[in-house]
């Protein structure tokens, strides 16, 4: 009885780890919006500029994320979730492997469309 319970707990822990790590292996990282402005003003301030669709005057967000170390990195993009209005301090998810993907709001589903399934 004890061994069956222990086995069930271990398997449950593994499945939770795999579900969480899938988004990470696909490039998704939790991030926080640290600046919101125009692409022309903010693009030069980031570690990685993912650009925008529409030039220097389009809305642009700078987000900070951790990539496994103690230091955070910044990424700037004009690609926002559809209909979203981002503010400093907002939690988002960013794909560090594919700059063409827009930021995602936490809990957004649909990993087949390129957004995390958490």
Protein backbone atom coordinates (compact mmCIF):
# COMPACT_ATOMS: atom_id res chain seq x y z
CA UNK A 1 0.00 0.00 0.00
CA UNK A 2 2.76 2.40 0.97
CA UNK A 3 4.80 1.71 -2.14
CA UNK A 4 1.76 2.28 -4.38
CA UNK A 5 1.13 5.65 -2.73
CA UNK A 6 4.79 6.62 -3.04
CA UNK A 7 4.82 5.59 -6.70
CA UNK A 8 1.67 7.63 -7.42
CA UNK A 9 3.18 10.70 -5.75
CA UNK A 10 6.41 10.33 -7.73
CA UNK A 11 4.57 9.96 -11.04
CA UNK A 12 2.39 12.97 -10.27
CA UNK A 13 5.48 15.05 -9.55
CA UNK A 14 7.13 14.01 -12.82
CA UNK A 15 4.08 14.88 -14.91
CA UNK A 16 3.89 18.34 -13.32
CA UNK A 17 7.58 18.92 -14.03
CA UNK A 18 7.22 17.86 -17.65
CA UNK A 19 4.19 20.10 -18.23
CA UNK A 20 6.05 23.10 -16.81
CA UNK A 21 9.34 22.41 -18.58
CA UNK A 22 7.69 21.99 -22.00
CA UNK A 23 7.05 25.74 -22.28
CA UNK A 24 10.57 26.50 -21.10
CA UNK A 25 12.16 24.14 -23.64
CA UNK A 26 10.09 25.86 -26.35
CA UNK A 27 11.70 29.17 -25.35
CA UNK A 28 9.02 30.70 -23.12
CA UNK A 29 10.14 32.67 -20.06
CA UNK A 30 8.17 34.58 -17.43
CA UNK A 31 8.94 38.29 -17.74
CA UNK A 32 7.93 41.67 -16.39
CA UNK A 33 7.27 44.82 -18.41
CA UNK A 34 9.82 47.46 -17.32
CA UNK A 35 9.24 50.16 -19.97
CA UNK A 36 6.51 51.08 -22.41
CA UNK A 37 6.95 53.70 -25.11
CA UNK A 38 7.78 53.99 -28.79
CA UNK A 39 10.16 51.71 -30.67
CA UNK A 40 12.37 54.61 -31.74
CA UNK A 41 12.92 55.67 -28.12
CA UNK A 42 13.43 52.29 -26.45
CA UNK A 43 15.00 49.89 -28.98
CA UNK A 44 18.55 51.04 -28.22
CA UNK A 45 18.15 50.35 -24.49
CA UNK A 46 17.63 46.57 -24.64
CA UNK A 47 19.95 43.56 -24.68
CA UNK A 48 17.96 42.10 -27.61
CA UNK A 49 15.72 44.06 -29.97
CA UNK A 50 13.01 41.94 -31.55
CA UNK A 51 11.75 44.85 -33.59
CA UNK A 52 8.25 45.93 -34.38
CA UNK A 53 5.88 45.88 -37.30
CA UNK A 54 5.47 49.49 -38.32
CA UNK A 55 8.56 51.57 -37.61
CA UNK A 56 9.79 53.87 -34.87
CA UNK A 57 6.40 55.29 -33.81
CA UNK A 58 4.66 52.02 -32.90
CA UNK A 59 4.08 51.01 -29.27
CA UNK A 60 7.04 49.07 -27.88
CA UNK A 61 7.63 47.24 -24.60
CA UNK A 62 10.85 46.32 -22.82
CA UNK A 63 10.59 43.21 -20.66
CA UNK A 64 13.06 41.62 -18.23
CA UNK A 65 13.39 37.87 -17.80
CA UNK A 66 15.76 35.36 -16.19
CA UNK A 67 17.40 32.79 -18.39
CA UNK A 68 18.66 30.38 -15.76
CA UNK A 69 21.20 32.61 -14.03
CA UNK A 70 21.13 35.31 -11.40
CA UNK A 71 21.24 38.15 -13.92
CA UNK A 72 18.19 39.22 -15.87
CA UNK A 73 18.16 40.13 -19.56
CA UNK A 74 16.04 42.65 -21.40
CA UNK A 75 14.18 42.14 -24.63
CA UNK A 76 12.25 44.77 -26.55
CA UNK A 77 9.38 44.13 -28.92
CA UNK A 78 6.50 45.84 -30.63
CA UNK A 79 4.71 42.50 -30.95
CA UNK A 80 2.08 42.48 -28.19
CA UNK A 81 -0.78 40.11 -27.46
CA UNK A 82 -3.79 40.96 -29.62
CA UNK A 83 -5.83 43.71 -28.01
CA UNK A 84 -3.54 44.01 -24.98
CA UNK A 85 -2.61 47.26 -23.33
CA UNK A 86 0.65 46.74 -21.46
CA UNK A 87 1.78 48.75 -18.44
CA UNK A 88 5.00 48.81 -16.43
CA UNK A 89 4.87 46.00 -13.88
CA UNK A 90 2.62 43.71 -15.95
CA UNK A 91 3.52 40.02 -16.01
CA UNK A 92 3.98 38.56 -19.49
CA UNK A 93 5.69 35.61 -21.12
CA UNK A 94 8.32 36.07 -23.81
CA UNK A 95 9.76 33.58 -26.26
CA UNK A 96 13.53 34.00 -26.24
CA UNK A 97 14.05 31.58 -29.13
CA UNK A 98 11.66 33.16 -31.65
CA UNK A 99 11.52 36.96 -31.86
CA UNK A 100 8.66 36.82 -34.36
CA UNK A 101 6.23 35.58 -31.71
CA UNK A 102 4.32 38.23 -29.76
CA UNK A 103 4.46 38.52 -26.00
CA UNK A 104 1.88 36.34 -24.27
CA UNK A 105 -0.22 37.04 -21.21
CA UNK A 106 0.22 34.53 -18.36
CA UNK A 107 -2.20 31.65 -18.67
CA UNK A 108 -2.80 32.20 -22.36
CA UNK A 109 -3.37 28.84 -24.00
CA UNK A 110 -2.75 27.44 -27.44
CA UNK A 111 0.81 26.24 -27.78
CA UNK A 112 0.06 25.24 -31.39
CA UNK A 113 -0.40 28.92 -32.23
CA UNK A 114 2.94 29.79 -30.68
CA UNK A 115 1.75 30.88 -27.26
CA UNK A 116 2.58 29.03 -24.07
CA UNK A 117 0.11 26.51 -22.76
CA UNK A 118 0.40 27.37 -19.07
